[in-house]
Amino acid sequence: MRPDTRSGASCTDSGALIAGSCVGGLEQKRPDENALLVDHYTRIFQNGRLEDG
């Protein structure tokens, strides 16, 4: 997860572990839905910034 520079909020190590665990479970149980999420977030976070689209 990327830090939100506007509010100063960021993902902690424990939050990252929880998110990683959830993504891993989704990847195993519902690979098609996982692929949609990965595709979505890699597209909107291109070039190191959030892009509208």
PDB file of N, CA and C in Angstrom:
ATOM      1  N   MET A   1       0.834  -1.176   0.000  1.00  0.00           N
ATOM      2  CA  MET A   1       0.000   0.000   0.000  1.00  0.00           C
ATOM      3  C   MET A   1       0.876   1.235   0.000  1.00  0.00           C
ATOM      4  N   ARG A   2       0.393   2.232  -0.641  1.00  0.00           N
ATOM      5  CA  ARG A   2       1.150   3.473  -0.739  1.00  0.00           C
ATOM      6  C   ARG A   2       0.684   4.457   0.325  1.00  0.00           C
ATOM      7  N   PRO A   3       1.592   5.230   0.872  1.00  0.00           N
ATOM      8  CA  PRO A   3       1.175   6.238   1.844  1.00  0.00           C
ATOM      9  C   PRO A   3       0.362   7.333   1.175  1.00  0.00           C
ATOM     10  N   ASP A   4      -0.609   7.864   1.895  1.00  0.00           N
ATOM     11  CA  ASP A   4      -1.397   8.979   1.405  1.00  0.00           C
ATOM     12  C   ASP A   4      -0.695  10.249   1.858  1.00  0.00           C
ATOM     13  N   THR A   5      -0.009  10.895   0.933  1.00  0.00           N
ATOM     14  CA  THR A   5       0.808  12.051   1.303  1.00  0.00           C
ATOM     15  C   THR A   5      -0.037  13.251   1.709  1.00  0.00           C
ATOM     16  N   ARG A   6      -1.278  13.282   1.330  1.00  0.00           N
ATOM     17  CA  ARG A   6      -2.131  14.404   1.716  1.00  0.00           C
ATOM     18  C   ARG A   6      -2.485  14.346   3.191  1.00  0.00           C
ATOM     19  N   SER A   7      -2.768  13.164   3.732  1.00  0.00           N
ATOM     20  CA  SER A   7      -3.172  13.058   5.127  1.00  0.00           C
ATOM     21  C   SER A   7      -2.042  12.584   6.022  1.00  0.00           C
ATOM     22  N   GLY A   8      -0.961  12.082   5.436  1.00  0.00           N
ATOM     23  CA  GLY A   8       0.137  11.562   6.220  1.00  0.00           C
ATOM     24  C   GLY A   8      -0.086  10.123   6.672  1.00  0.00           C
ATOM     25  N   ALA A   9      -1.237   9.522   6.344  1.00  0.00           N
ATOM     26  CA  ALA A   9      -1.525   8.139   6.725  1.00  0.00           C
ATOM     27  C   ALA A   9      -0.686   7.192   5.881  1.00  0.00           C
ATOM     28  N   SER A  10      -0.263   6.090   6.480  1.00  0.00           N
ATOM     29  CA  SER A  10       0.488   5.096   5.733  1.00  0.00           C
ATOM     30  C   SER A  10       0.181   3.716   6.295  1.00  0.00           C
ATOM     31  N   CYS A  11       0.583   2.723   5.578  1.00  0.00           N
ATOM     32  CA  CYS A  11       0.371   1.341   5.973  1.00  0.00           C
ATOM     33  C   CYS A  11       1.476   0.912   6.934  1.00  0.00           C
ATOM     34  N   THR A  12       1.103   0.318   8.054  1.00  0.00           N
ATOM     35  CA  THR A  12       2.090  -0.184   8.999  1.00  0.00           C
ATOM     36  C   THR A  12       2.541  -1.575   8.576  1.00  0.00           C
ATOM     37  N   ASP A  13       3.590  -2.078   9.218  1.00  0.00           N
ATOM     38  CA  ASP A  13       4.049  -3.439   8.924  1.00  0.00           C
ATOM     39  C   ASP A  13       2.958  -4.457   9.205  1.00  0.00           C
ATOM     40  N   SER A  14       2.242  -4.306  10.316  1.00  0.00           N
ATOM     41  CA  SER A  14       1.192  -5.272  10.646  1.00  0.00           C
ATOM     42  C   SER A  14       0.038  -5.164   9.649  1.00  0.00           C
ATOM     43  N   GLY A  15      -0.271  -3.940   9.218  1.00  0.00           N
ATOM     44  CA  GLY A  15      -1.315  -3.764   8.210  1.00  0.00           C
ATOM     45  C   GLY A  15      -0.925  -4.395   6.889  1.00  0.00           C
ATOM     46  N   ALA A  16       0.337  -4.264   6.533  1.00  0.00           N
ATOM     47  CA  ALA A  16       0.824  -4.865   5.293  1.00  0.00           C
ATOM     48  C   ALA A  16       0.763  -6.394   5.367  1.00  0.00           C
ATOM     49  N   LEU A  17       1.071  -6.949   6.531  1.00  0.00           N
ATOM     50  CA  LEU A  17       0.992  -8.409   6.689  1.00  0.00           C
ATOM     51  C   LEU A  17      -0.451  -8.898   6.573  1.00  0.00           C
ATOM     52  N   ILE A  18      -1.379  -8.150   7.140  1.00  0.00           N
ATOM     53  CA  ILE A  18      -2.794  -8.527   7.043  1.00  0.00           C
ATOM     54  C   ILE A  18      -3.256  -8.452   5.596  1.00  0.00           C
ATOM     55  N   ALA A  19      -2.920  -7.353   4.915  1.00  0.00           N
ATOM     56  CA  ALA A  19      -3.309  -7.203   3.506  1.00  0.00           C
ATOM     57  C   ALA A  19      -2.692  -8.309   2.655  1.00  0.00           C
ATOM     58  N   GLY A  20      -1.414  -8.613   2.896  1.00  0.00           N
ATOM     59  CA  GLY A  20      -0.741  -9.667   2.145  1.00  0.00           C
ATOM     60  C   GLY A  20      -1.384 -11.024   2.354  1.00  0.00           C
ATOM     61  N   SER A  21      -1.788 -11.289   3.583  1.00  0.00           N
ATOM     62  CA  SER A  21      -2.461 -12.551   3.893  1.00  0.00           C
ATOM     63  C   SER A  21      -3.801 -12.645   3.165  1.00  0.00           C
ATOM     64  N   CYS A  22      -4.545 -11.550   3.150  1.00  0.00           N
ATOM     65  CA  CYS A  22      -5.836 -11.535   2.453  1.00  0.00           C
ATOM     66  C   CYS A  22      -5.668 -11.731   0.953  1.00  0.00           C
ATOM     67  N   VAL A  23      -4.681 -11.061   0.379  1.00  0.00           N
ATOM     68  CA  VAL A  23      -4.425 -11.201  -1.052  1.00  0.00           C
ATOM     69  C   VAL A  23      -3.990 -12.624  -1.381  1.00  0.00           C
ATOM     70  N   GLY A  24      -3.161 -13.202  -0.526  1.00  0.00           N
ATOM     71  CA  GLY A  24      -2.725 -14.585  -0.742  1.00  0.00           C
ATOM     72  C   GLY A  24      -3.883 -15.560  -0.707  1.00  0.00           C
ATOM     73  N   GLY A  25      -4.801 -15.360   0.241  1.00  0.00           N
ATOM     74  CA  GLY A  25      -5.981 -16.213   0.315  1.00  0.00           C
ATOM     75  C   GLY A  25      -6.878 -16.048  -0.901  1.00  0.00           C
ATOM     76  N   LEU A  26      -7.046 -14.815  -1.343  1.00  0.00           N
ATOM     77  CA  LEU A  26      -7.860 -14.558  -2.527  1.00  0.00           C
ATOM     78  C   LEU A  26      -7.229 -15.191  -3.760  1.00  0.00           C
ATOM     79  N   GLU A  27      -5.901 -15.091  -3.844  1.00  0.00           N
ATOM     80  CA  GLU A  27      -5.196 -15.674  -4.989  1.00  0.00           C
ATOM     81  C   GLU A  27      -5.403 -17.181  -5.058  1.00  0.00           C
ATOM     82  N   GLN A  28      -5.447 -17.836  -3.914  1.00  0.00           N
ATOM     83  CA  GLN A  28      -5.639 -19.291  -3.886  1.00  0.00           C
ATOM     84  C   GLN A  28      -7.089 -19.687  -4.133  1.00  0.00           C
ATOM     85  N   LYS A  29      -8.043 -18.956  -3.536  1.00  0.00           N
ATOM     86  CA  LYS A  29      -9.445 -19.359  -3.595  1.00  0.00           C
ATOM     87  C   LYS A  29     -10.195 -18.804  -4.794  1.00  0.00           C
ATOM     88  N   ARG A  30      -9.819 -17.610  -5.243  1.00  0.00           N
ATOM     89  CA  ARG A  30     -10.516 -16.966  -6.354  1.00  0.00           C
ATOM     90  C   ARG A  30      -9.502 -16.250  -7.258  1.00  0.00           C
ATOM     91  N   PRO A  31      -8.722 -17.019  -8.010  1.00  0.00           N
ATOM     92  CA  PRO A  31      -7.658 -16.422  -8.821  1.00  0.00           C
ATOM     93  C   PRO A  31      -8.158 -15.421  -9.861  1.00  0.00           C
ATOM     94  N   ASP A  32      -9.346 -15.612 -10.401  1.00  0.00           N
ATOM     95  CA  ASP A  32      -9.871 -14.664 -11.386  1.00  0.00           C
ATOM     96  C   ASP A  32     -10.131 -13.299 -10.758  1.00  0.00           C
ATOM     97  N   GLU A  33     -10.725 -13.301  -9.561  1.00  0.00           N
ATOM     98  CA  GLU A  33     -10.989 -12.033  -8.883  1.00  0.00           C
ATOM     99  C   GLU A  33      -9.684 -11.369  -8.453  1.00  0.00           C
ATOM    100  N   ASN A  34      -8.715 -12.162  -8.029  1.00  0.00           N
ATOM    101  CA  ASN A  34      -7.406 -11.617  -7.672  1.00  0.00           C
ATOM    102  C   ASN A  34      -6.752 -10.945  -8.883  1.00  0.00           C
ATOM    103  N   ALA A  35      -6.844 -11.576 -10.037  1.00  0.00           N
ATOM    104  CA  ALA A  35      -6.258 -11.011 -11.248  1.00  0.00           C
ATOM    105  C   ALA A  35      -6.912  -9.673 -11.603  1.00  0.00           C
ATOM    106  N   LEU A  36      -8.223  -9.552 -11.390  1.00  0.00           N
ATOM    107  CA  LEU A  36      -8.905  -8.284 -11.652  1.00  0.00           C
ATOM    108  C   LEU A  36      -8.395  -7.181 -10.733  1.00  0.00           C
ATOM    109  N   LEU A  37      -8.226  -7.495  -9.453  1.00  0.00           N
ATOM    110  CA  LEU A  37      -7.721  -6.504  -8.503  1.00  0.00           C
ATOM    111  C   LEU A  37      -6.295  -6.083  -8.829  1.00  0.00           C
ATOM    112  N   VAL A  38      -5.454  -7.042  -9.138  1.00  0.00           N
ATOM    113  CA  VAL A  38      -4.065  -6.732  -9.474  1.00  0.00           C
ATOM    114  C   VAL A  38      -4.023  -5.849 -10.714  1.00  0.00           C
ATOM    115  N   ASP A  39      -4.795  -6.200 -11.728  1.00  0.00           N
ATOM    116  CA  ASP A  39      -4.831  -5.407 -12.950  1.00  0.00           C
ATOM    117  C   ASP A  39      -5.323  -3.992 -12.661  1.00  0.00           C
ATOM    118  N   HIS A  40      -6.359  -3.867 -11.863  1.00  0.00           N
ATOM    119  CA  HIS A  40      -6.915  -2.550 -11.525  1.00  0.00           C
ATOM    120  C   HIS A  40      -5.876  -1.683 -10.828  1.00  0.00           C
ATOM    121  N   TYR A  41      -5.249  -2.209  -9.780  1.00  0.00           N
ATOM    122  CA  TYR A  41      -4.327  -1.394  -9.005  1.00  0.00           C
ATOM    123  C   TYR A  41      -2.996  -1.142  -9.708  1.00  0.00           C
ATOM    124  N   THR A  42      -2.573  -2.032 -10.578  1.00  0.00           N
ATOM    125  CA  THR A  42      -1.347  -1.733 -11.317  1.00  0.00           C
ATOM    126  C   THR A  42      -1.610  -0.674 -12.386  1.00  0.00           C
ATOM    127  N   ARG A  43      -2.826  -0.587 -12.871  1.00  0.00           N
ATOM    128  CA  ARG A  43      -3.150   0.447 -13.857  1.00  0.00           C
ATOM    129  C   ARG A  43      -3.290   1.819 -13.212  1.00  0.00           C
ATOM    130  N   ILE A  44      -3.947   1.912 -12.055  1.00  0.00           N
ATOM    131  CA  ILE A  44      -4.168   3.241 -11.475  1.00  0.00           C
ATOM    132  C   ILE A  44      -2.932   3.777 -10.768  1.00  0.00           C
ATOM    133  N   PHE A  45      -1.975   2.922 -10.432  1.00  0.00           N
ATOM    134  CA  PHE A  45      -0.778   3.387  -9.767  1.00  0.00           C
ATOM    135  C   PHE A  45       0.436   3.375 -10.703  1.00  0.00           C
ATOM    136  N   GLN A  46       0.212   3.617 -11.966  1.00  0.00           N
ATOM    137  CA  GLN A  46       1.318   3.673 -12.924  1.00  0.00           C
ATOM    138  C   GLN A  46       2.121   4.941 -12.707  1.00  0.00           C
ATOM    139  N   ASN A  47       3.388   4.859 -13.016  1.00  0.00           N
ATOM    140  CA  ASN A  47       4.303   6.008 -12.919  1.00  0.00           C
ATOM    141  C   ASN A  47       4.427   6.555 -11.512  1.00  0.00           C
ATOM    142  N   GLY A  48       4.180   5.729 -10.504  1.00  0.00           N
ATOM    143  CA  GLY A  48       4.380   6.137  -9.117  1.00  0.00           C
ATOM    144  C   GLY A  48       3.379   7.120  -8.587  1.00  0.00           C
ATOM    145  N   ARG A  49       2.256   7.268  -9.255  1.00  0.00           N
ATOM    146  CA  ARG A  49       1.240   8.191  -8.757  1.00  0.00           C
ATOM    147  C   ARG A  49      -0.144   7.690  -9.141  1.00  0.00           C
ATOM    148  N   LEU A  50      -1.139   8.111  -8.401  1.00  0.00           N
ATOM    149  CA  LEU A  50      -2.507   7.750  -8.695  1.00  0.00           C
ATOM    150  C   LEU A  50      -2.975   8.510  -9.921  1.00  0.00           C
ATOM    151  N   GLU A  51      -3.501   7.781 -10.896  1.00  0.00           N
ATOM    152  CA  GLU A  51      -3.977   8.415 -12.113  1.00  0.00           C
ATOM    153  C   GLU A  51      -5.490   8.267 -12.201  1.00  0.00           C
ATOM    154  N   ASP A  52      -6.168   9.269 -12.680  1.00  0.00           N
ATOM    155  CA  ASP A  52      -7.605   9.182 -12.916  1.00  0.00           C
ATOM    156  C   ASP A  52      -7.850   8.316 -14.139  1.00  0.00           C
ATOM    157  N   GLY A  53      -8.934   7.563 -14.076  1.00  0.00           N
ATOM    158  CA  GLY A  53      -9.218   6.784 -15.259  1.00  0.00           C
ATOM    159  C   GLY A  53     -10.079   5.683 -15.032  1.00  0.00           C
TER     160      GLY A  53
END
